[in-house]
Amino acid sequence: MPANVLQEAKAALEGLNSDKILELYADQFVFEDTPAKLLITDRKKLGEYFQQLFSLPEVSFSDIQIYEADSFAAIEWTWSGVKRTTGEAFRVRGASIIELEGSKVRRESIYYDPRPAST
């Protein structure tokens, strides 16, 4: 069962599809962007987070690898794009730790070094 939601998450991330990503979260969820010190529990705010992220110039997610167990998963990914302020390209490797509840994401915490994407 987890494989379906994880594969859907991978496809939505690669396709920069914020609407599809939102569908994958449980009604009660926690999303934590640890480097940015963000904790999101509201679906509208999570949608805004992904829409802002996906609106960066030339943004993409690639090299996505999924490691799964019964109720949790780890996902490695590479985030790249172009900084709005300088026009400089960036590339960041990161990881998501995901807690699953049935076929939905109940909690996701992401970890990455934000310096390459900073202004």
PDB file of N, CA and C in Angstrom:
ATOM      1  N   MET A   1       0.817  -1.212   0.000  1.00  0.00           N
ATOM      2  CA  MET A   1       0.000   0.000   0.000  1.00  0.00           C
ATOM      3  C   MET A   1       0.856   1.270   0.000  1.00  0.00           C
ATOM      4  N   PRO A   2       1.897   1.389   0.838  1.00  0.00           N
ATOM      5  CA  PRO A   2       2.673   2.629   0.830  1.00  0.00           C
ATOM      6  C   PRO A   2       3.265   2.943  -0.536  1.00  0.00           C
ATOM      7  N   ALA A   3       3.638   1.914  -1.290  1.00  0.00           N
ATOM      8  CA  ALA A   3       4.297   2.154  -2.567  1.00  0.00           C
ATOM      9  C   ALA A   3       3.458   3.035  -3.480  1.00  0.00           C
ATOM     10  N   ASN A   4       2.137   2.862  -3.497  1.00  0.00           N
ATOM     11  CA  ASN A   4       1.296   3.683  -4.363  1.00  0.00           C
ATOM     12  C   ASN A   4       1.400   5.152  -4.016  1.00  0.00           C
ATOM     13  N   VAL A   5       1.204   5.504  -2.753  1.00  0.00           N
ATOM     14  CA  VAL A   5       1.257   6.912  -2.363  1.00  0.00           C
ATOM     15  C   VAL A   5       2.657   7.480  -2.583  1.00  0.00           C
ATOM     16  N   LEU A   6       3.669   6.679  -2.362  1.00  0.00           N
ATOM     17  CA  LEU A   6       5.037   7.159  -2.555  1.00  0.00           C
ATOM     18  C   LEU A   6       5.357   7.366  -4.037  1.00  0.00           C
ATOM     19  N   GLN A   7       4.901   6.469  -4.879  1.00  0.00           N
ATOM     20  CA  GLN A   7       5.102   6.641  -6.320  1.00  0.00           C
ATOM     21  C   GLN A   7       4.309   7.842  -6.837  1.00  0.00           C
ATOM     22  N   GLU A   8       3.097   8.045  -6.298  1.00  0.00           N
ATOM     23  CA  GLU A   8       2.305   9.216  -6.673  1.00  0.00           C
ATOM     24  C   GLU A   8       3.008  10.497  -6.224  1.00  0.00           C
ATOM     25  N   ALA A   9       3.597  10.460  -5.038  1.00  0.00           N
ATOM     26  CA  ALA A   9       4.337  11.627  -4.539  1.00  0.00           C
ATOM     27  C   ALA A   9       5.539  11.917  -5.435  1.00  0.00           C
ATOM     28  N   LYS A  10       6.241  10.881  -5.841  1.00  0.00           N
ATOM     29  CA  LYS A  10       7.386  11.056  -6.731  1.00  0.00           C
ATOM     30  C   LYS A  10       6.947  11.692  -8.048  1.00  0.00           C
ATOM     31  N   ALA A  11       5.876  11.172  -8.642  1.00  0.00           N
ATOM     32  CA  ALA A  11       5.383  11.706  -9.913  1.00  0.00           C
ATOM     33  C   ALA A  11       4.922  13.155  -9.759  1.00  0.00           C
ATOM     34  N   ALA A  12       4.239  13.464  -8.660  1.00  0.00           N
ATOM     35  CA  ALA A  12       3.755  14.831  -8.432  1.00  0.00           C
ATOM     36  C   ALA A  12       4.925  15.789  -8.223  1.00  0.00           C
ATOM     37  N   LEU A  13       5.956  15.340  -7.517  1.00  0.00           N
ATOM     38  CA  LEU A  13       7.126  16.186  -7.290  1.00  0.00           C
ATOM     39  C   LEU A  13       7.874  16.432  -8.603  1.00  0.00           C
ATOM     40  N   GLU A  14       8.088  15.378  -9.363  1.00  0.00           N
ATOM     41  CA  GLU A  14       8.767  15.540 -10.657  1.00  0.00           C
ATOM     42  C   GLU A  14       7.938  16.397 -11.620  1.00  0.00           C
ATOM     43  N   GLY A  15       6.615  16.298 -11.518  1.00  0.00           N
ATOM     44  CA  GLY A  15       5.730  17.060 -12.391  1.00  0.00           C
ATOM     45  C   GLY A  15       5.362  18.429 -11.850  1.00  0.00           C
ATOM     46  N   LEU A  16       5.909  18.778 -10.677  1.00  0.00           N
ATOM     47  CA  LEU A  16       5.641  20.071 -10.032  1.00  0.00           C
ATOM     48  C   LEU A  16       4.129  20.307  -9.886  1.00  0.00           C
ATOM     49  N   ASN A  17       3.425  19.273  -9.453  1.00  0.00           N
ATOM     50  CA  ASN A  17       1.970  19.296  -9.347  1.00  0.00           C
ATOM     51  C   ASN A  17       1.552  19.460  -7.885  1.00  0.00           C
ATOM     52  N   SER A  18       1.394  20.702  -7.447  1.00  0.00           N
ATOM     53  CA  SER A  18       1.067  20.962  -6.044  1.00  0.00           C
ATOM     54  C   SER A  18      -0.317  20.435  -5.670  1.00  0.00           C
ATOM     55  N   ASP A  19      -1.287  20.475  -6.584  1.00  0.00           N
ATOM     56  CA  ASP A  19      -2.627  19.960  -6.282  1.00  0.00           C
ATOM     57  C   ASP A  19      -2.571  18.464  -5.974  1.00  0.00           C
ATOM     58  N   LYS A  20      -1.842  17.711  -6.768  1.00  0.00           N
ATOM     59  CA  LYS A  20      -1.724  16.267  -6.546  1.00  0.00           C
ATOM     60  C   LYS A  20      -0.995  15.981  -5.241  1.00  0.00           C
ATOM     61  N   ILE A  21       0.037  16.744  -4.951  1.00  0.00           N
ATOM     62  CA  ILE A  21       0.773  16.542  -3.709  1.00  0.00           C
ATOM     63  C   ILE A  21      -0.168  16.728  -2.515  1.00  0.00           C
ATOM     64  N   LEU A  22      -0.986  17.754  -2.539  1.00  0.00           N
ATOM     65  CA  LEU A  22      -1.916  18.011  -1.429  1.00  0.00           C
ATOM     66  C   LEU A  22      -2.875  16.851  -1.212  1.00  0.00           C
ATOM     67  N   GLU A  23      -3.314  16.206  -2.279  1.00  0.00           N
ATOM     68  CA  GLU A  23      -4.225  15.067  -2.177  1.00  0.00           C
ATOM     69  C   GLU A  23      -3.612  13.899  -1.416  1.00  0.00           C
ATOM     70  N   LEU A  24      -2.309  13.842  -1.348  1.00  0.00           N
ATOM     71  CA  LEU A  24      -1.619  12.701  -0.749  1.00  0.00           C
ATOM     72  C   LEU A  24      -1.503  12.789   0.769  1.00  0.00           C
ATOM     73  N   TYR A  25      -1.821  13.953   1.339  1.00  0.00           N
ATOM     74  CA  TYR A  25      -1.712  14.155   2.793  1.00  0.00           C
ATOM     75  C   TYR A  25      -3.017  13.784   3.487  1.00  0.00           C
ATOM     76  N   ALA A  26      -2.897  13.227   4.681  1.00  0.00           N
ATOM     77  CA  ALA A  26      -4.051  12.891   5.508  1.00  0.00           C
ATOM     78  C   ALA A  26      -4.775  14.170   5.928  1.00  0.00           C
ATOM     79  N   ASP A  27      -5.996  14.025   6.403  1.00  0.00           N
ATOM     80  CA  ASP A  27      -6.748  15.194   6.871  1.00  0.00           C
ATOM     81  C   ASP A  27      -5.996  15.926   7.978  1.00  0.00           C
ATOM     82  N   GLN A  28      -5.441  15.187   8.905  1.00  0.00           N
ATOM     83  CA  GLN A  28      -4.610  15.746   9.978  1.00  0.00           C
ATOM     84  C   GLN A  28      -3.164  15.392   9.638  1.00  0.00           C
ATOM     85  N   PHE A  29      -2.345  16.387   9.342  1.00  0.00           N
ATOM     86  CA  PHE A  29      -0.962  16.125   8.938  1.00  0.00           C
ATOM     87  C   PHE A  29      -0.036  17.172   9.546  1.00  0.00           C
ATOM     88  N   VAL A  30       1.245  16.865   9.482  1.00  0.00           N
ATOM     89  CA  VAL A  30       2.295  17.805   9.872  1.00  0.00           C
ATOM     90  C   VAL A  30       3.337  17.773   8.759  1.00  0.00           C
ATOM     91  N   PHE A  31       3.701  18.957   8.258  1.00  0.00           N
ATOM     92  CA  PHE A  31       4.772  19.094   7.290  1.00  0.00           C
ATOM     93  C   PHE A  31       5.808  20.017   7.915  1.00  0.00           C
ATOM     94  N   GLU A  32       7.041  19.539   7.970  1.00  0.00           N
ATOM     95  CA  GLU A  32       8.102  20.315   8.606  1.00  0.00           C
ATOM     96  C   GLU A  32       9.264  20.513   7.639  1.00  0.00           C
ATOM     97  N   ASP A  33       9.563  21.763   7.339  1.00  0.00           N
ATOM     98  CA  ASP A  33      10.748  22.133   6.573  1.00  0.00           C
ATOM     99  C   ASP A  33      11.760  22.569   7.621  1.00  0.00           C
ATOM    100  N   THR A  34      12.612  21.644   8.056  1.00  0.00           N
ATOM    101  CA  THR A  34      13.486  21.912   9.201  1.00  0.00           C
ATOM    102  C   THR A  34      14.477  23.054   8.969  1.00  0.00           C
ATOM    103  N   PRO A  35      15.153  23.153   7.811  1.00  0.00           N
ATOM    104  CA  PRO A  35      16.082  24.270   7.639  1.00  0.00           C
ATOM    105  C   PRO A  35      15.385  25.637   7.671  1.00  0.00           C
ATOM    106  N   ALA A  36      14.162  25.702   7.144  1.00  0.00           N
ATOM    107  CA  ALA A  36      13.426  26.974   7.117  1.00  0.00           C
ATOM    108  C   ALA A  36      12.664  27.224   8.418  1.00  0.00           C
ATOM    109  N   LYS A  37      12.724  26.253   9.336  1.00  0.00           N
ATOM    110  CA  LYS A  37      12.013  26.358  10.616  1.00  0.00           C
ATOM    111  C   LYS A  37      10.516  26.581  10.398  1.00  0.00           C
ATOM    112  N   LEU A  38       9.955  25.829   9.435  1.00  0.00           N
ATOM    113  CA  LEU A  38       8.525  25.908   9.129  1.00  0.00           C
ATOM    114  C   LEU A  38       7.826  24.643   9.603  1.00  0.00           C
ATOM    115  N   LEU A  39       6.691  24.821  10.231  1.00  0.00           N
ATOM    116  CA  LEU A  39       5.834  23.709  10.638  1.00  0.00           C
ATOM    117  C   LEU A  39       4.442  24.041  10.104  1.00  0.00           C
ATOM    118  N   ILE A  40       3.954  23.219   9.195  1.00  0.00           N
ATOM    119  CA  ILE A  40       2.676  23.492   8.530  1.00  0.00           C
ATOM    120  C   ILE A  40       1.699  22.371   8.853  1.00  0.00           C
ATOM    121  N   THR A  41       0.499  22.745   9.299  1.00  0.00           N
ATOM    122  CA  THR A  41      -0.562  21.774   9.580  1.00  0.00           C
ATOM    123  C   THR A  41      -1.854  22.149   8.857  1.00  0.00           C
ATOM    124  N   ASP A  42      -1.821  23.196   8.072  1.00  0.00           N
ATOM    125  CA  ASP A  42      -2.987  23.705   7.354  1.00  0.00           C
ATOM    126  C   ASP A  42      -2.820  23.420   5.858  1.00  0.00           C
ATOM    127  N   ARG A  43      -3.801  22.784   5.249  1.00  0.00           N
ATOM    128  CA  ARG A  43      -3.721  22.394   3.842  1.00  0.00           C
ATOM    129  C   ARG A  43      -3.514  23.601   2.915  1.00  0.00           C
ATOM    130  N   LYS A  44      -4.181  24.715   3.181  1.00  0.00           N
ATOM    131  CA  LYS A  44      -4.028  25.907   2.336  1.00  0.00           C
ATOM    132  C   LYS A  44      -2.590  26.422   2.394  1.00  0.00           C
ATOM    133  N   LYS A  45      -2.023  26.467   3.591  1.00  0.00           N
ATOM    134  CA  LYS A  45      -0.639  26.939   3.742  1.00  0.00           C
ATOM    135  C   LYS A  45       0.347  25.978   3.075  1.00  0.00           C
ATOM    136  N   LEU A  46       0.056  24.680   3.134  1.00  0.00           N
ATOM    137  CA  LEU A  46       0.923  23.716   2.465  1.00  0.00           C
ATOM    138  C   LEU A  46       0.853  23.904   0.952  1.00  0.00           C
ATOM    139  N   GLY A  47      -0.335  24.166   0.437  1.00  0.00           N
ATOM    140  CA  GLY A  47      -0.478  24.440  -0.992  1.00  0.00           C
ATOM    141  C   GLY A  47       0.311  25.666  -1.403  1.00  0.00           C
ATOM    142  N   GLU A  48       0.246  26.717  -0.590  1.00  0.00           N
ATOM    143  CA  GLU A  48       1.003  27.937  -0.868  1.00  0.00           C
ATOM    144  C   GLU A  48       2.502  27.670  -0.844  1.00  0.00           C
ATOM    145  N   TYR A  49       2.947  26.838   0.105  1.00  0.00           N
ATOM    146  CA  TYR A  49       4.359  26.472   0.211  1.00  0.00           C
ATOM    147  C   TYR A  49       4.836  25.835  -1.102  1.00  0.00           C
ATOM    148  N   PHE A  50       4.089  24.812  -1.569  1.00  0.00           N
ATOM    149  CA  PHE A  50       4.500  24.114  -2.792  1.00  0.00           C
ATOM    150  C   PHE A  50       4.356  25.003  -4.025  1.00  0.00           C
ATOM    151  N   GLN A  51       3.330  25.831  -4.096  1.00  0.00           N
ATOM    152  CA  GLN A  51       3.171  26.725  -5.238  1.00  0.00           C
ATOM    153  C   GLN A  51       4.337  27.711  -5.326  1.00  0.00           C
ATOM    154  N   GLN A  52       4.751  28.243  -4.188  1.00  0.00           N
ATOM    155  CA  GLN A  52       5.891  29.160  -4.174  1.00  0.00           C
ATOM    156  C   GLN A  52       7.167  28.431  -4.592  1.00  0.00           C
ATOM    157  N   LEU A  53       7.370  27.231  -4.054  1.00  0.00           N
ATOM    158  CA  LEU A  53       8.548  26.435  -4.391  1.00  0.00           C
ATOM    159  C   LEU A  53       8.588  26.119  -5.884  1.00  0.00           C
ATOM    160  N   PHE A  54       7.455  25.702  -6.432  1.00  0.00           N
ATOM    161  CA  PHE A  54       7.396  25.295  -7.829  1.00  0.00           C
ATOM    162  C   PHE A  54       7.430  26.472  -8.796  1.00  0.00           C
ATOM    163  N   SER A  55       7.276  27.697  -8.297  1.00  0.00           N
ATOM    164  CA  SER A  55       7.310  28.865  -9.176  1.00  0.00           C
ATOM    165  C   SER A  55       8.723  29.411  -9.372  1.00  0.00           C
ATOM    166  N   LEU A  56       9.709  28.828  -8.711  1.00  0.00           N
ATOM    167  CA  LEU A  56      11.089  29.280  -8.909  1.00  0.00           C
ATOM    168  C   LEU A  56      11.511  29.031 -10.355  1.00  0.00           C
ATOM    169  N   PRO A  57      12.342  29.896 -10.921  1.00  0.00           N
ATOM    170  CA  PRO A  57      12.790  29.703 -12.302  1.00  0.00           C
ATOM    171  C   PRO A  57      13.517  28.366 -12.483  1.00  0.00           C
ATOM    172  N   GLU A  58      13.133  27.655 -13.519  1.00  0.00           N
ATOM    173  CA  GLU A  58      13.780  26.397 -13.918  1.00  0.00           C
ATOM    174  C   GLU A  58      13.829  25.360 -12.799  1.00  0.00           C
ATOM    175  N   VAL A  59      12.892  25.410 -11.876  1.00  0.00           N
ATOM    176  CA  VAL A  59      12.893  24.483 -10.752  1.00  0.00           C
ATOM    177  C   VAL A  59      12.598  23.057 -11.222  1.00  0.00           C
ATOM    178  N   SER A  60      13.250  22.104 -10.588  1.00  0.00           N
ATOM    179  CA  SER A  60      12.967  20.693 -10.861  1.00  0.00           C
ATOM    180  C   SER A  60      13.397  19.850  -9.662  1.00  0.00           C
ATOM    181  N   PHE A  61      12.803  18.681  -9.593  1.00  0.00           N
ATOM    182  CA  PHE A  61      13.190  17.666  -8.620  1.00  0.00           C
ATOM    183  C   PHE A  61      13.553  16.424  -9.405  1.00  0.00           C
ATOM    184  N   SER A  62      14.692  15.849  -9.075  1.00  0.00           N
ATOM    185  CA  SER A  62      15.193  14.689  -9.815  1.00  0.00           C
ATOM    186  C   SER A  62      15.920  13.747  -8.858  1.00  0.00           C
ATOM    187  N   ASP A  63      16.435  12.665  -9.428  1.00  0.00           N
ATOM    188  CA  ASP A  63      17.211  11.683  -8.662  1.00  0.00           C
ATOM    189  C   ASP A  63      16.444  11.204  -7.434  1.00  0.00           C
ATOM    190  N   ILE A  64      15.139  11.037  -7.569  1.00  0.00           N
ATOM    191  CA  ILE A  64      14.294  10.675  -6.428  1.00  0.00           C
ATOM    192  C   ILE A  64      14.410   9.172  -6.183  1.00  0.00           C
ATOM    193  N   GLN A  65      14.826   8.843  -4.974  1.00  0.00           N
ATOM    194  CA  GLN A  65      14.950   7.451  -4.541  1.00  0.00           C
ATOM    195  C   GLN A  65      14.062   7.241  -3.320  1.00  0.00           C
ATOM    196  N   ILE A  66      13.273   6.169  -3.329  1.00  0.00           N
ATOM    197  CA  ILE A  66      12.334   5.886  -2.246  1.00  0.00           C
ATOM    198  C   ILE A  66      12.793   4.646  -1.493  1.00  0.00           C
ATOM    199  N   TYR A  67      12.823   4.759  -0.171  1.00  0.00           N
ATOM    200  CA  TYR A  67      13.129   3.644   0.718  1.00  0.00           C
ATOM    201  C   TYR A  67      11.938   3.515   1.654  1.00  0.00           C
ATOM    202  N   GLU A  68      11.260   2.369   1.625  1.00  0.00           N
ATOM    203  CA  GLU A  68      10.007   2.277   2.361  1.00  0.00           C
ATOM    204  C   GLU A  68       9.944   1.091   3.310  1.00  0.00           C
ATOM    205  N   ALA A  69       9.111   1.266   4.316  1.00  0.00           N
ATOM    206  CA  ALA A  69       8.758   0.213   5.265  1.00  0.00           C
ATOM    207  C   ALA A  69       7.233   0.259   5.398  1.00  0.00           C
ATOM    208  N   ASP A  70       6.683  -0.410   6.391  1.00  0.00           N
ATOM    209  CA  ASP A  70       5.229  -0.485   6.514  1.00  0.00           C
ATOM    210  C   ASP A  70       4.561   0.870   6.736  1.00  0.00           C
ATOM    211  N   SER A  71       5.062   1.659   7.668  1.00  0.00           N
ATOM    212  CA  SER A  71       4.371   2.898   8.010  1.00  0.00           C
ATOM    213  C   SER A  71       5.252   4.140   7.892  1.00  0.00           C
ATOM    214  N   PHE A  72       6.428   3.996   7.302  1.00  0.00           N
ATOM    215  CA  PHE A  72       7.275   5.159   7.095  1.00  0.00           C
ATOM    216  C   PHE A  72       8.132   4.960   5.855  1.00  0.00           C
ATOM    217  N   ALA A  73       8.720   6.067   5.403  1.00  0.00           N
ATOM    218  CA  ALA A  73       9.589   6.011   4.234  1.00  0.00           C
ATOM    219  C   ALA A  73      10.628   7.116   4.328  1.00  0.00           C
ATOM    220  N   ALA A  74      11.702   6.927   3.614  1.00  0.00           N
ATOM    221  CA  ALA A  74      12.706   7.970   3.425  1.00  0.00           C
ATOM    222  C   ALA A  74      12.820   8.182   1.925  1.00  0.00           C
ATOM    223  N   ILE A  75      12.862   9.424   1.527  1.00  0.00           N
ATOM    224  CA  ILE A  75      12.985   9.756   0.112  1.00  0.00           C
ATOM    225  C   ILE A  75      14.157  10.719  -0.059  1.00  0.00           C
ATOM    226  N   GLU A  76      15.096  10.340  -0.900  1.00  0.00           N
ATOM    227  CA  GLU A  76      16.196  11.241  -1.265  1.00  0.00           C
ATOM    228  C   GLU A  76      15.813  11.941  -2.553  1.00  0.00           C
ATOM    229  N   TRP A  77      16.214  13.200  -2.696  1.00  0.00           N
ATOM    230  CA  TRP A  77      15.868  13.958  -3.881  1.00  0.00           C
ATOM    231  C   TRP A  77      16.922  15.026  -4.142  1.00  0.00           C
ATOM    232  N   THR A  78      16.909  15.531  -5.362  1.00  0.00           N
ATOM    233  CA  THR A  78      17.752  16.657  -5.732  1.00  0.00           C
ATOM    234  C   THR A  78      16.831  17.766  -6.228  1.00  0.00           C
ATOM    235  N   TRP A  79      16.984  18.938  -5.639  1.00  0.00           N
ATOM    236  CA  TRP A  79      16.197  20.120  -5.977  1.00  0.00           C
ATOM    237  C   TRP A  79      17.136  21.075  -6.701  1.00  0.00           C
ATOM    238  N   SER A  80      16.736  21.539  -7.873  1.00  0.00           N
ATOM    239  CA  SER A  80      17.575  22.487  -8.600  1.00  0.00           C
ATOM    240  C   SER A  80      16.708  23.569  -9.226  1.00  0.00           C
ATOM    241  N   GLY A  81      17.356  24.635  -9.589  1.00  0.00           N
ATOM    242  CA  GLY A  81      16.659  25.766 -10.194  1.00  0.00           C
ATOM    243  C   GLY A  81      17.611  26.927 -10.375  1.00  0.00           C
ATOM    244  N   VAL A  82      17.023  28.107 -10.508  1.00  0.00           N
ATOM    245  CA  VAL A  82      17.787  29.334 -10.689  1.00  0.00           C
ATOM    246  C   VAL A  82      17.314  30.335  -9.634  1.00  0.00           C
ATOM    247  N   LYS A  83      18.272  30.957  -8.960  1.00  0.00           N
ATOM    248  CA  LYS A  83      17.935  31.963  -7.947  1.00  0.00           C
ATOM    249  C   LYS A  83      17.308  33.176  -8.619  1.00  0.00           C
ATOM    250  N   ARG A  84      16.197  33.641  -8.055  1.00  0.00           N
ATOM    251  CA  ARG A  84      15.522  34.817  -8.620  1.00  0.00           C
ATOM    252  C   ARG A  84      16.390  36.065  -8.521  1.00  0.00           C
ATOM    253  N   THR A  85      17.112  36.195  -7.430  1.00  0.00           N
ATOM    254  CA  THR A  85      17.855  37.427  -7.176  1.00  0.00           C
ATOM    255  C   THR A  85      19.122  37.565  -8.003  1.00  0.00           C
ATOM    256  N   THR A  86      19.796  36.443  -8.276  1.00  0.00           N
ATOM    257  CA  THR A  86      21.088  36.527  -8.957  1.00  0.00           C
ATOM    258  C   THR A  86      21.119  35.863 -10.326  1.00  0.00           C
ATOM    259  N   GLY A  87      20.131  35.023 -10.618  1.00  0.00           N
ATOM    260  CA  GLY A  87      20.136  34.284 -11.873  1.00  0.00           C
ATOM    261  C   GLY A  87      21.105  33.117 -11.875  1.00  0.00           C
ATOM    262  N   GLU A  88      21.705  32.850 -10.735  1.00  0.00           N
ATOM    263  CA  GLU A  88      22.676  31.764 -10.595  1.00  0.00           C
ATOM    264  C   GLU A  88      21.951  30.431 -10.395  1.00  0.00           C
ATOM    265  N   ALA A  89      22.423  29.391 -11.067  1.00  0.00           N
ATOM    266  CA  ALA A  89      21.853  28.050 -10.912  1.00  0.00           C
ATOM    267  C   ALA A  89      22.245  27.472  -9.554  1.00  0.00           C
ATOM    268  N   PHE A  90      21.365  26.652  -8.999  1.00  0.00           N
ATOM    269  CA  PHE A  90      21.675  25.955  -7.750  1.00  0.00           C
ATOM    270  C   PHE A  90      21.228  24.508  -7.839  1.00  0.00           C
ATOM    271  N   ARG A  91      21.817  23.696  -6.983  1.00  0.00           N
ATOM    272  CA  ARG A  91      21.493  22.269  -6.906  1.00  0.00           C
ATOM    273  C   ARG A  91      21.648  21.859  -5.446  1.00  0.00           C
ATOM    274  N   VAL A  92      20.601  21.259  -4.886  1.00  0.00           N
ATOM    275  CA  VAL A  92      20.583  20.892  -3.474  1.00  0.00           C
ATOM    276  C   VAL A  92      20.110  19.450  -3.338  1.00  0.00           C
ATOM    277  N   ARG A  93      20.871  18.635  -2.607  1.00  0.00           N
ATOM    278  CA  ARG A  93      20.415  17.285  -2.278  1.00  0.00           C
ATOM    279  C   ARG A  93      19.728  17.334  -0.931  1.00  0.00           C
ATOM    280  N   GLY A  94      18.648  16.568  -0.802  1.00  0.00           N
ATOM    281  CA  GLY A  94      17.921  16.548   0.450  1.00  0.00           C
ATOM    282  C   GLY A  94      17.220  15.225   0.658  1.00  0.00           C
ATOM    283  N   ALA A  95      16.518  15.161   1.791  1.00  0.00           N
ATOM    284  CA  ALA A  95      15.784  13.941   2.131  1.00  0.00           C
ATOM    285  C   ALA A  95      14.507  14.299   2.867  1.00  0.00           C
ATOM    286  N   SER A  96      13.505  13.473   2.653  1.00  0.00           N
ATOM    287  CA  SER A  96      12.237  13.577   3.358  1.00  0.00           C
ATOM    288  C   SER A  96      12.048  12.307   4.180  1.00  0.00           C
ATOM    289  N   ILE A  97      11.653  12.481   5.428  1.00  0.00           N
ATOM    290  CA  ILE A  97      11.266  11.360   6.270  1.00  0.00           C
ATOM    291  C   ILE A  97       9.751  11.440   6.393  1.00  0.00           C
ATOM    292  N   ILE A  98       9.076  10.366   6.017  1.00  0.00           N
ATOM    293  CA  ILE A  98       7.624  10.383   5.909  1.00  0.00           C
ATOM    294  C   ILE A  98       7.006   9.309   6.791  1.00  0.00           C
ATOM    295  N   GLU A  99       5.985   9.715   7.547  1.00  0.00           N
ATOM    296  CA  GLU A  99       5.176   8.773   8.319  1.00  0.00           C
ATOM    297  C   GLU A  99       3.859   8.604   7.580  1.00  0.00           C
ATOM    298  N   LEU A 100       3.505   7.357   7.315  1.00  0.00           N
ATOM    299  CA  LEU A 100       2.293   7.057   6.565  1.00  0.00           C
ATOM    300  C   LEU A 100       1.178   6.600   7.485  1.00  0.00           C
ATOM    301  N   GLU A 101      -0.036   6.957   7.101  1.00  0.00           N
ATOM    302  CA  GLU A 101      -1.236   6.498   7.793  1.00  0.00           C
ATOM    303  C   GLU A 101      -2.147   5.937   6.712  1.00  0.00           C
ATOM    304  N   GLY A 102      -2.167   4.610   6.588  1.00  0.00           N
ATOM    305  CA  GLY A 102      -2.898   4.005   5.477  1.00  0.00           C
ATOM    306  C   GLY A 102      -2.244   4.402   4.174  1.00  0.00           C
ATOM    307  N   SER A 103      -3.014   5.000   3.296  1.00  0.00           N
ATOM    308  CA  SER A 103      -2.480   5.412   1.997  1.00  0.00           C
ATOM    309  C   SER A 103      -2.264   6.928   1.923  1.00  0.00           C
ATOM    310  N   LYS A 104      -2.051   7.559   3.079  1.00  0.00           N
ATOM    311  CA  LYS A 104      -1.851   9.008   3.128  1.00  0.00           C
ATOM    312  C   LYS A 104      -0.595   9.352   3.920  1.00  0.00           C
ATOM    313  N   VAL A 105      -0.053  10.533   3.648  1.00  0.00           N
ATOM    314  CA  VAL A 105       1.090  11.045   4.394  1.00  0.00           C
ATOM    315  C   VAL A 105       0.564  11.752   5.637  1.00  0.00           C
ATOM    316  N   ARG A 106       0.972  11.268   6.809  1.00  0.00           N
ATOM    317  CA  ARG A 106       0.550  11.889   8.062  1.00  0.00           C
ATOM    318  C   ARG A 106       1.564  12.928   8.527  1.00  0.00           C
ATOM    319  N   ARG A 107       2.845  12.640   8.276  1.00  0.00           N
ATOM    320  CA  ARG A 107       3.902  13.570   8.686  1.00  0.00           C
ATOM    321  C   ARG A 107       5.035  13.487   7.680  1.00  0.00           C
ATOM    322  N   GLU A 108       5.592  14.658   7.359  1.00  0.00           N
ATOM    323  CA  GLU A 108       6.779  14.716   6.515  1.00  0.00           C
ATOM    324  C   GLU A 108       7.716  15.761   7.086  1.00  0.00           C
ATOM    325  N   SER A 109       8.961  15.368   7.268  1.00  0.00           N
ATOM    326  CA  SER A 109      10.012  16.287   7.700  1.00  0.00           C
ATOM    327  C   SER A 109      11.089  16.263   6.622  1.00  0.00           C
ATOM    328  N   ILE A 110      11.448  17.460   6.118  1.00  0.00           N
ATOM    329  CA  ILE A 110      12.473  17.511   5.082  1.00  0.00           C
ATOM    330  C   ILE A 110      13.755  18.122   5.636  1.00  0.00           C
ATOM    331  N   TYR A 111      14.867  17.613   5.122  1.00  0.00           N
ATOM    332  CA  TYR A 111      16.197  18.015   5.574  1.00  0.00           C
ATOM    333  C   TYR A 111      17.063  18.295   4.350  1.00  0.00           C
ATOM    334  N   TYR A 112      17.741  19.432   4.354  1.00  0.00           N
ATOM    335  CA  TYR A 112      18.626  19.811   3.255  1.00  0.00           C
ATOM    336  C   TYR A 112      19.494  20.978   3.722  1.00  0.00           C
ATOM    337  N   ASP A 113      20.542  21.243   2.982  1.00  0.00           N
ATOM    338  CA  ASP A 113      21.398  22.407   3.237  1.00  0.00           C
ATOM    339  C   ASP A 113      20.876  23.553   2.374  1.00  0.00           C
ATOM    340  N   PRO A 114      20.292  24.594   2.958  1.00  0.00           N
ATOM    341  CA  PRO A 114      19.682  25.657   2.163  1.00  0.00           C
ATOM    342  C   PRO A 114      20.682  26.628   1.525  1.00  0.00           C
ATOM    343  N   ARG A 115      21.941  26.565   1.910  1.00  0.00           N
ATOM    344  CA  ARG A 115      22.902  27.571   1.439  1.00  0.00           C
ATOM    345  C   ARG A 115      23.025  27.680  -0.087  1.00  0.00           C
ATOM    346  N   PRO A 116      23.071  26.562  -0.831  1.00  0.00           N
ATOM    347  CA  PRO A 116      23.209  26.724  -2.282  1.00  0.00           C
ATOM    348  C   PRO A 116      22.030  27.455  -2.941  1.00  0.00           C
ATOM    349  N   ALA A 117      20.833  27.375  -2.343  1.00  0.00           N
ATOM    350  CA  ALA A 117      19.656  28.016  -2.938  1.00  0.00           C
ATOM    351  C   ALA A 117      19.425  29.430  -2.399  1.00  0.00           C
ATOM    352  N   SER A 118      20.192  29.817  -1.395  1.00  0.00           N
ATOM    353  CA  SER A 118      20.022  31.143  -0.797  1.00  0.00           C
ATOM    354  C   SER A 118      20.598  32.224  -1.695  1.00  0.00           C
ATOM    355  N   THR A 119      20.156  33.451  -1.438  1.00  0.00           N
ATOM    356  CA  THR A 119      20.654  34.573  -2.238  1.00  0.00           C
ATOM    357  C   THR A 119      22.098  34.895  -1.967  1.00  0.00           C
TER     358      THR A 119
END
